[in-house]
């Protein structure tokens, strides 16, 4: 299984694309602006989109991708998400106002997209890959995902604040890679708490929930472009402090667009 990072920024700027991951060549997790770097042929190859939640930075390219390749596809693009996320897409995106209702055109019998609800804890097998919807704590209905093709799991937190249920499940998985958001620096910790995101101080507390003896690479995603350098500096500081204090340190890295994982 190959995971390709199309976008992992918390906002746009030059060379900053919002969240989207291509799993092999046929599944997208989220559909932020990073999808725009795919060729038309690569877009056509995508059969399923799994969304973490309905916020714009995670769905911005979805309606545009559907428009770009809808007529070239022989069957609907399957969109999987919590029912609240799917309803938000129907109400606010595919509503014949912001964008055409591709859930019923060109015909209700053969639309460009089909909607498939899932729930937290559900597993979904797509070919040889298994996807599990993990708990997330955000301002709208949200999930993270664990993905495996039979070996280690690639785990993505989605957008989330403090989340004990997430770690309870993650500690039961054979994690190969963890991708976790840290949207704000410590100086905006209160804003992070209000918006149900993580800051470095809170991230440190969350990583302490990893069971002793478990160690795997932790990649930081969803940083705001104007704060990325500060966020990563603050994270490096707390990890060094933990190590010097004889506590468990973590293999923490900065996720970058274009990065690939082979699992």
Protein backbone atom coordinates (compact mmCIF):
# COMPACT_ATOMS: atom_id res chain seq x y z
CA UNK A 1 0.00 0.00 0.00
CA UNK A 2 1.29 3.44 -0.90
CA UNK A 3 0.15 6.69 0.71
CA UNK A 4 0.91 9.88 -1.19
CA UNK A 5 0.58 13.24 0.56
CA UNK A 6 -1.18 15.60 -1.83
CA UNK A 7 -1.72 18.34 0.74
CA UNK A 8 -1.18 18.70 4.49
CA UNK A 9 -1.36 22.43 5.25
CA UNK A 10 -3.90 24.11 7.49
CA UNK A 11 -4.49 26.87 4.94
CA UNK A 12 -3.32 27.99 1.52
CA UNK A 13 -0.24 29.92 0.47
CA UNK A 14 2.37 29.38 -2.21
CA UNK A 15 3.40 25.70 -2.11
CA UNK A 16 0.85 25.06 0.67
CA UNK A 17 -2.03 22.76 -0.18
CA UNK A 18 -4.78 21.66 2.15
CA UNK A 19 -5.43 18.15 3.36
CA UNK A 20 -5.66 15.23 0.98
CA UNK A 21 -4.01 11.81 0.84
CA UNK A 22 -4.03 9.42 -2.12
CA UNK A 23 -4.06 5.76 -1.05
CA UNK A 24 -2.61 3.64 -3.84
CA UNK A 25 -4.25 5.20 -6.90
CA UNK A 26 -7.92 4.63 -6.18
CA UNK A 27 -8.84 6.14 -2.80
CA UNK A 28 -8.65 9.67 -1.45
CA UNK A 29 -8.78 10.52 2.23
CA UNK A 30 -10.10 14.08 2.21
CA UNK A 31 -10.14 16.26 -0.88
CA UNK A 32 -8.48 19.56 -0.06
CA UNK A 33 -6.67 21.74 -2.56
CA UNK A 34 -3.83 19.21 -2.93
CA UNK A 35 -6.11 17.21 -5.25
CA UNK A 36 -5.52 19.89 -7.87
CA UNK A 37 -2.01 18.54 -8.46
CA UNK A 38 -3.37 15.24 -9.81
CA UNK A 39 -3.54 14.73 -13.55
CA UNK A 40 -6.91 14.08 -15.17
CA UNK A 41 -5.92 10.43 -15.56
CA UNK A 42 -5.09 10.20 -11.85
CA UNK A 43 -8.40 11.81 -10.92
CA UNK A 44 -10.27 9.36 -13.13
CA UNK A 45 -8.61 6.46 -11.34
CA UNK A 46 -10.03 7.52 -7.96
CA UNK A 47 -13.04 5.35 -7.10
CA UNK A 48 -13.66 6.33 -3.47
CA UNK A 49 -13.30 9.45 -1.33
CA UNK A 50 -13.34 9.08 2.46
CA UNK A 51 -13.93 12.40 4.21
CA UNK A 52 -12.98 13.19 7.79
CA UNK A 53 -15.42 16.10 8.04
CA UNK A 54 -17.10 18.84 6.03
CA UNK A 55 -14.82 21.84 6.61
CA UNK A 56 -13.77 23.59 3.42
CA UNK A 57 -10.05 22.88 3.66
CA UNK A 58 -10.85 19.15 3.55
CA UNK A 59 -13.42 19.20 0.72
CA UNK A 60 -12.48 22.23 -1.42
CA UNK A 61 -11.33 20.29 -4.47
CA UNK A 62 -14.04 17.62 -4.37
CA UNK A 63 -16.71 19.46 -6.42
CA UNK A 64 -14.07 20.67 -8.87
CA UNK A 65 -12.64 17.16 -9.31
CA UNK A 66 -16.09 15.74 -9.95
CA UNK A 67 -16.70 18.41 -12.58
CA UNK A 68 -13.32 17.74 -14.20
CA UNK A 69 -13.72 14.00 -14.69
CA UNK A 70 -17.42 13.19 -14.18
CA UNK A 71 -18.16 12.66 -17.87
CA UNK A 72 -15.05 10.51 -18.29
CA UNK A 73 -16.07 8.07 -15.56
CA UNK A 74 -18.26 5.06 -16.17
CA UNK A 75 -19.77 5.01 -12.68
CA UNK A 76 -20.35 7.35 -9.75
CA UNK A 77 -17.53 8.46 -7.49
CA UNK A 78 -18.32 6.96 -4.07
CA UNK A 79 -18.13 9.46 -1.21
CA UNK A 80 -17.94 7.90 2.27
CA UNK A 81 -18.39 9.96 5.44
CA UNK A 82 -20.44 10.41 8.57
CA UNK A 83 -24.08 11.14 7.77
CA UNK A 84 -23.68 14.68 9.15
CA UNK A 85 -20.81 15.29 6.73
CA UNK A 86 -22.78 13.93 3.77
CA UNK A 87 -25.77 16.08 4.70
CA UNK A 88 -23.54 19.15 4.80
CA UNK A 89 -22.33 18.35 1.27
CA UNK A 90 -25.90 17.98 0.04
CA UNK A 91 -27.11 21.14 1.76
CA UNK A 92 -24.18 23.46 1.12
CA UNK A 93 -22.13 22.22 -1.84
CA UNK A 94 -24.05 19.94 -4.20
CA UNK A 95 -27.21 22.02 -3.93
CA UNK A 96 -27.61 23.59 -7.40
CA UNK A 97 -26.59 26.94 -5.89
CA UNK A 98 -22.94 26.66 -4.92
CA UNK A 99 -22.41 23.71 -7.29
CA UNK A 100 -24.58 21.38 -9.37
CA UNK A 101 -26.25 18.53 -7.54
CA UNK A 102 -24.02 15.80 -8.91
CA UNK A 103 -25.85 13.34 -6.65
CA UNK A 104 -28.70 13.34 -9.17
CA UNK A 105 -27.17 14.53 -12.46
CA UNK A 106 -26.68 13.77 -15.24
CA UNK A 107 -29.47 11.37 -14.18
CA UNK A 108 -30.73 10.18 -10.80
CA UNK A 109 -30.07 6.62 -11.97
CA UNK A 110 -26.45 7.31 -12.96
CA UNK A 111 -25.18 10.38 -11.09
CA UNK A 112 -21.59 11.59 -10.98
CA UNK A 113 -21.37 10.93 -7.21
CA UNK A 114 -23.00 8.58 -4.73
CA UNK A 115 -23.12 9.09 -0.96
CA UNK A 116 -22.33 6.31 1.50
CA UNK A 117 -22.76 6.95 5.25
CA UNK A 118 -20.43 5.40 7.78
CA UNK A 119 -20.13 5.63 11.55
CA UNK A 120 -17.29 5.87 14.03
CA UNK A 121 -15.75 2.46 14.59
CA UNK A 122 -16.93 1.09 11.24
CA UNK A 123 -14.51 -0.73 8.98
CA UNK A 124 -14.72 -0.56 5.21
CA UNK A 125 -12.88 -2.95 2.89
CA UNK A 126 -11.99 -1.54 -0.51
CA UNK A 127 -10.06 -4.10 -2.49
CA UNK A 128 -7.17 -5.29 -0.34
CA UNK A 129 -7.26 -2.19 1.89
CA UNK A 130 -9.22 -1.89 5.14
CA UNK A 131 -10.24 1.52 6.44
CA UNK A 132 -11.47 2.12 9.99
CA UNK A 133 -13.23 5.32 11.05
CA UNK A 134 -11.60 6.51 14.27
CA UNK A 135 -13.03 8.90 16.88
CA UNK A 136 -12.34 12.62 16.43
CA UNK A 137 -13.41 15.58 18.57
CA UNK A 138 -14.07 18.64 16.41
CA UNK A 139 -16.59 21.45 16.02
CA UNK A 140 -18.54 19.43 13.43
CA UNK A 141 -19.08 15.67 13.09
CA UNK A 142 -15.64 14.22 12.34
CA UNK A 143 -13.55 11.07 12.23
CA UNK A 144 -9.96 10.06 11.65
CA UNK A 145 -8.91 6.94 9.74
CA UNK A 146 -6.67 3.91 10.13
CA UNK A 147 -5.71 2.19 6.89
CA UNK A 148 -4.01 -1.14 6.39
CA UNK A 149 -3.36 -3.61 3.60
CA UNK A 150 -2.56 -6.41 6.01
CA UNK A 151 0.61 -5.18 7.71
CA UNK A 152 1.04 -2.00 9.77
CA UNK A 153 -1.58 0.74 9.92
CA UNK A 154 -1.24 4.25 8.57
CA UNK A 155 -3.22 6.32 11.07
CA UNK A 156 -4.59 9.84 10.54
CA UNK A 157 -6.14 11.77 13.43
CA UNK A 158 -8.23 14.10 11.27
CA UNK A 159 -9.00 17.46 12.84
CA UNK A 160 -9.36 16.92 16.56
CA UNK A 161 -8.85 18.30 20.01
CA UNK A 162 -8.15 16.21 23.10
CA UNK A 163 -9.35 12.74 22.26
CA UNK A 164 -9.00 9.86 24.77
CA UNK A 165 -11.17 7.54 22.66
CA UNK A 166 -8.79 7.93 19.72
CA UNK A 167 -5.80 6.76 21.75
CA UNK A 168 -7.75 3.91 23.30
CA UNK A 169 -8.31 2.48 19.83
CA UNK A 170 -4.89 3.43 18.41
CA UNK A 171 -3.18 1.57 21.25
CA UNK A 172 -4.93 -1.57 20.04
CA UNK A 173 -3.64 -1.22 16.46
CA UNK A 174 -0.35 -2.20 14.85
CA UNK A 175 0.61 1.39 14.02
CA UNK A 176 3.33 1.91 11.43
CA UNK A 177 2.88 5.67 10.98
CA UNK A 178 0.81 8.26 12.84
CA UNK A 179 -0.19 11.52 11.16
CA UNK A 180 -1.61 13.97 13.70
CA UNK A 181 -2.74 17.54 13.42
CA UNK A 182 -1.28 20.49 15.31
CA UNK A 183 -2.99 23.52 13.84
CA UNK A 184 -1.92 26.28 16.24
CA UNK A 185 1.14 27.36 18.19
CA UNK A 186 1.13 27.60 21.99
CA UNK A 187 0.53 31.34 21.88
CA UNK A 188 -2.88 30.52 20.31
CA UNK A 189 -3.61 27.62 22.64
CA UNK A 190 -6.98 29.07 23.68
CA UNK A 191 -8.06 29.43 20.06
CA UNK A 192 -6.98 25.84 19.45
CA UNK A 193 -9.11 24.67 22.38
CA UNK A 194 -12.13 26.64 21.18
CA UNK A 195 -11.84 25.34 17.63
CA UNK A 196 -11.08 21.76 18.75
CA UNK A 197 -7.57 21.64 17.37
CA UNK A 198 -4.23 20.77 18.97
CA UNK A 199 -1.35 23.03 19.98
CA UNK A 200 2.13 21.72 20.89
CA UNK A 201 1.49 21.74 24.66
CA UNK A 202 -1.72 19.76 24.22
CA UNK A 203 -0.10 17.49 21.65
CA UNK A 204 2.53 16.59 24.26
CA UNK A 205 -0.23 15.58 26.67
CA UNK A 206 -1.97 13.56 23.97
CA UNK A 207 1.20 11.70 22.95
CA UNK A 208 1.61 10.67 26.59
CA UNK A 209 -1.45 8.47 25.99
CA UNK A 210 0.60 6.17 23.74
CA UNK A 211 1.14 2.93 25.62
CA UNK A 212 4.65 2.41 27.02
CA UNK A 213 6.81 0.37 24.68
CA UNK A 214 5.04 1.53 21.55
CA UNK A 215 7.13 3.70 19.25
CA UNK A 216 6.50 4.76 15.68
CA UNK A 217 7.07 7.86 13.53
CA UNK A 218 4.72 10.74 14.34
CA UNK A 219 4.14 13.20 11.51
CA UNK A 220 2.71 16.65 12.18
CA UNK A 221 0.09 17.93 9.75
CA UNK A 222 -2.39 20.81 9.36
CA UNK A 223 -0.08 23.57 10.61
CA UNK A 224 -1.04 27.12 9.66
CA UNK A 225 1.51 28.35 7.07
CA UNK A 226 2.28 31.50 9.05
CA UNK A 227 3.00 29.45 12.18
CA UNK A 228 4.57 26.26 10.86
CA UNK A 229 8.13 27.13 11.86
CA UNK A 230 7.05 28.21 15.36
CA UNK A 231 4.86 25.15 15.85
CA UNK A 232 7.64 22.77 14.86
CA UNK A 233 10.13 24.59 17.11
CA UNK A 234 7.74 24.30 20.06
CA UNK A 235 7.23 20.61 19.35
CA UNK A 236 10.97 19.97 19.14
CA UNK A 237 11.44 21.79 22.44
CA UNK A 238 8.94 19.70 24.36
CA UNK A 239 10.25 16.46 22.85
CA UNK A 240 13.83 17.32 23.78
CA UNK A 241 12.69 18.27 27.29
CA UNK A 242 10.96 14.91 27.67
CA UNK A 243 14.07 13.05 26.59
CA UNK A 244 16.33 15.03 28.93
CA UNK A 245 13.91 14.37 31.79
CA UNK A 246 14.10 10.62 31.21
CA UNK A 247 10.55 10.55 29.86
CA UNK A 248 9.53 8.93 26.60
CA UNK A 249 10.43 11.05 23.59
CA UNK A 250 8.88 10.52 20.19
CA UNK A 251 10.12 10.30 16.63
CA UNK A 252 8.36 13.51 15.54
CA UNK A 253 8.63 14.80 11.99
CA UNK A 254 7.00 17.46 9.83
CA UNK A 255 4.72 16.08 7.13
CA UNK A 256 5.26 17.59 3.69
CA UNK A 257 3.29 17.54 0.44
CA UNK A 258 4.71 15.07 -2.03
CA UNK A 259 5.86 12.69 0.69
CA UNK A 260 5.09 9.00 0.16
CA UNK A 261 4.75 6.08 2.54
CA UNK A 262 5.09 2.44 1.50
CA UNK A 263 3.41 0.04 3.89
